[in-house]
Amino acid sequence: MRIQFVNSLGDNAGEIDMALHIISIGMDGADATTFNHELAHLYVRKFWNSELIQKALKLYSKKGMTDTEREEALVDAITEMSIDNYFENT
């Protein structure tokens, strides 16, 4: 019998790596803001080319920012809003 391995993850391999990254951070004693922050990165990257993310990036962009810096600014804002919302509703 011959076993052949195939790339069953396809285009989702990066998403799986990011999910494992988030899980490892959570298991390493990170607080709730870190988990939310990393999860926001996952969604921003997954939907990077969407109209919604592009509009949001423009809101948090400053002249001369790299894409990485723009992403970080947006993710920071998302994290802050999600944490604020959590504490207002608990």
C-alpha atoms as a PDB file:
ATOM      1  CA  MET A   1       0.000   0.000   0.000  1.00  0.00           C
ATOM      2  CA  ARG A   2       1.264   3.465  -0.866  1.00  0.00           C
ATOM      3  CA  ILE A   3       0.351   6.550   1.151  1.00  0.00           C
ATOM      4  CA  GLN A   4       0.586   9.895  -0.540  1.00  0.00           C
ATOM      5  CA  PHE A   5       0.354  13.137   1.404  1.00  0.00           C
ATOM      6  CA  VAL A   6      -1.308  16.075  -0.264  1.00  0.00           C
ATOM      7  CA  ASN A   7      -1.599  19.721   0.652  1.00  0.00           C
ATOM      8  CA  SER A   8      -5.145  19.497   1.969  1.00  0.00           C
ATOM      9  CA  LEU A   9      -4.940  22.946   3.546  1.00  0.00           C
ATOM     10  CA  GLY A  10      -4.536  24.689   0.202  1.00  0.00           C
ATOM     11  CA  ASP A  11      -4.933  28.430   0.539  1.00  0.00           C
ATOM     12  CA  ASN A  12      -5.961  28.051   4.181  1.00  0.00           C
ATOM     13  CA  ALA A  13      -2.485  27.085   5.391  1.00  0.00           C
ATOM     14  CA  GLY A  14      -1.741  30.662   6.464  1.00  0.00           C
ATOM     15  CA  GLU A  15      -5.001  30.830   8.407  1.00  0.00           C
ATOM     16  CA  ILE A  16      -4.183  27.595  10.197  1.00  0.00           C
ATOM     17  CA  ASP A  17      -0.733  28.948  11.120  1.00  0.00           C
ATOM     18  CA  MET A  18      -2.307  32.153  12.457  1.00  0.00           C
ATOM     19  CA  ALA A  19      -4.898  30.189  14.448  1.00  0.00           C
ATOM     20  CA  LEU A  20      -2.142  28.078  15.997  1.00  0.00           C
ATOM     21  CA  HIS A  21      -0.235  31.270  16.792  1.00  0.00           C
ATOM     22  CA  ILE A  22      -3.283  32.689  18.600  1.00  0.00           C
ATOM     23  CA  ILE A  23      -3.794  29.475  20.560  1.00  0.00           C
ATOM     24  CA  SER A  24      -0.132  29.335  21.579  1.00  0.00           C
ATOM     25  CA  ILE A  25      -0.275  32.938  22.807  1.00  0.00           C
ATOM     26  CA  GLY A  26      -3.371  32.142  24.859  1.00  0.00           C
ATOM     27  CA  MET A  27      -1.700  29.129  26.415  1.00  0.00           C
ATOM     28  CA  ASP A  28       1.389  31.164  27.259  1.00  0.00           C
ATOM     29  CA  GLY A  29      -0.376  33.258  29.894  1.00  0.00           C
ATOM     30  CA  ALA A  30      -1.477  36.158  27.708  1.00  0.00           C
ATOM     31  CA  ASP A  31      -4.299  38.361  28.926  1.00  0.00           C
ATOM     32  CA  ALA A  32      -7.649  38.886  27.202  1.00  0.00           C
ATOM     33  CA  THR A  33      -6.471  41.940  25.294  1.00  0.00           C
ATOM     34  CA  THR A  34      -3.639  39.989  23.680  1.00  0.00           C
ATOM     35  CA  PHE A  35      -5.993  37.248  22.546  1.00  0.00           C
ATOM     36  CA  ASN A  36      -8.441  39.780  21.081  1.00  0.00           C
ATOM     37  CA  HIS A  37      -5.570  41.651  19.452  1.00  0.00           C
ATOM     38  CA  GLU A  38      -4.229  38.544  17.703  1.00  0.00           C
ATOM     39  CA  LEU A  39      -7.716  37.501  16.642  1.00  0.00           C
ATOM     40  CA  ALA A  40      -8.250  40.947  15.115  1.00  0.00           C
ATOM     41  CA  HIS A  41      -5.044  40.438  13.098  1.00  0.00           C
ATOM     42  CA  LEU A  42      -6.485  37.194  11.750  1.00  0.00           C
ATOM     43  CA  TYR A  43      -9.683  38.858  10.548  1.00  0.00           C
ATOM     44  CA  VAL A  44      -7.956  41.938   9.127  1.00  0.00           C
ATOM     45  CA  ARG A  45      -5.558  39.740   7.158  1.00  0.00           C
ATOM     46  CA  LYS A  46      -8.283  37.368   5.986  1.00  0.00           C
ATOM     47  CA  PHE A  47     -10.429  40.216   4.664  1.00  0.00           C
ATOM     48  CA  TRP A  48      -7.560  42.577   3.736  1.00  0.00           C
ATOM     49  CA  ASN A  49      -8.849  43.192   0.195  1.00  0.00           C
ATOM     50  CA  SER A  50     -12.450  43.774   1.241  1.00  0.00           C
ATOM     51  CA  GLU A  51     -13.984  47.205   0.906  1.00  0.00           C
ATOM     52  CA  LEU A  52     -14.732  47.359   4.644  1.00  0.00           C
ATOM     53  CA  ILE A  53     -11.146  46.673   5.735  1.00  0.00           C
ATOM     54  CA  GLN A  54      -9.725  49.074   3.146  1.00  0.00           C
ATOM     55  CA  LYS A  55     -12.025  51.857   4.389  1.00  0.00           C
ATOM     56  CA  ALA A  56     -11.096  51.105   7.998  1.00  0.00           C
ATOM     57  CA  LEU A  57      -7.384  51.126   7.166  1.00  0.00           C
ATOM     58  CA  LYS A  58      -7.778  54.579   5.630  1.00  0.00           C
ATOM     59  CA  LEU A  59      -9.378  55.843   8.850  1.00  0.00           C
ATOM     60  CA  TYR A  60      -6.355  54.797  10.919  1.00  0.00           C
ATOM     61  CA  SER A  61      -3.633  55.574   8.391  1.00  0.00           C
ATOM     62  CA  LYS A  62      -1.153  58.386   8.610  1.00  0.00           C
ATOM     63  CA  LYS A  63       1.088  59.606   5.822  1.00  0.00           C
ATOM     64  CA  GLY A  64       4.155  57.425   5.360  1.00  0.00           C
ATOM     65  CA  MET A  65       2.795  54.377   7.214  1.00  0.00           C
ATOM     66  CA  THR A  66       3.666  50.934   5.915  1.00  0.00           C
ATOM     67  CA  ASP A  67       0.942  48.314   5.462  1.00  0.00           C
ATOM     68  CA  THR A  68       2.190  46.628   8.640  1.00  0.00           C
ATOM     69  CA  GLU A  69       1.872  49.876  10.595  1.00  0.00           C
ATOM     70  CA  ARG A  70      -1.590  50.515   9.121  1.00  0.00           C
ATOM     71  CA  GLU A  71      -2.672  47.006  10.106  1.00  0.00           C
ATOM     72  CA  GLU A  72      -1.336  47.448  13.633  1.00  0.00           C
ATOM     73  CA  ALA A  73      -3.149  50.790  14.051  1.00  0.00           C
ATOM     74  CA  LEU A  74      -6.442  49.249  12.907  1.00  0.00           C
ATOM     75  CA  VAL A  75      -5.976  46.148  15.060  1.00  0.00           C
ATOM     76  CA  ASP A  76      -5.188  48.316  18.097  1.00  0.00           C
ATOM     77  CA  ALA A  77      -8.422  50.253  17.507  1.00  0.00           C
ATOM     78  CA  ILE A  78     -10.470  47.067  17.077  1.00  0.00           C
ATOM     79  CA  THR A  79      -8.968  45.606  20.254  1.00  0.00           C
ATOM     80  CA  GLU A  80      -9.655  48.746  22.257  1.00  0.00           C
ATOM     81  CA  MET A  81     -13.260  48.886  21.027  1.00  0.00           C
ATOM     82  CA  SER A  82     -13.884  45.200  21.724  1.00  0.00           C
ATOM     83  CA  ILE A  83     -12.464  45.413  25.244  1.00  0.00           C
ATOM     84  CA  ASP A  84     -14.381  48.643  25.977  1.00  0.00           C
ATOM     85  CA  ASN A  85     -17.575  47.032  24.682  1.00  0.00           C
ATOM     86  CA  TYR A  86     -16.996  43.939  26.825  1.00  0.00           C
ATOM     87  CA  PHE A  87     -16.601  45.904  30.042  1.00  0.00           C
ATOM     88  CA  GLU A  88     -19.569  48.190  29.278  1.00  0.00           C
ATOM     89  CA  ASN A  89     -21.816  45.154  28.829  1.00  0.00           C
ATOM     90  CA  THR A  90     -20.743  43.025  31.807  1.00  0.00           C
END
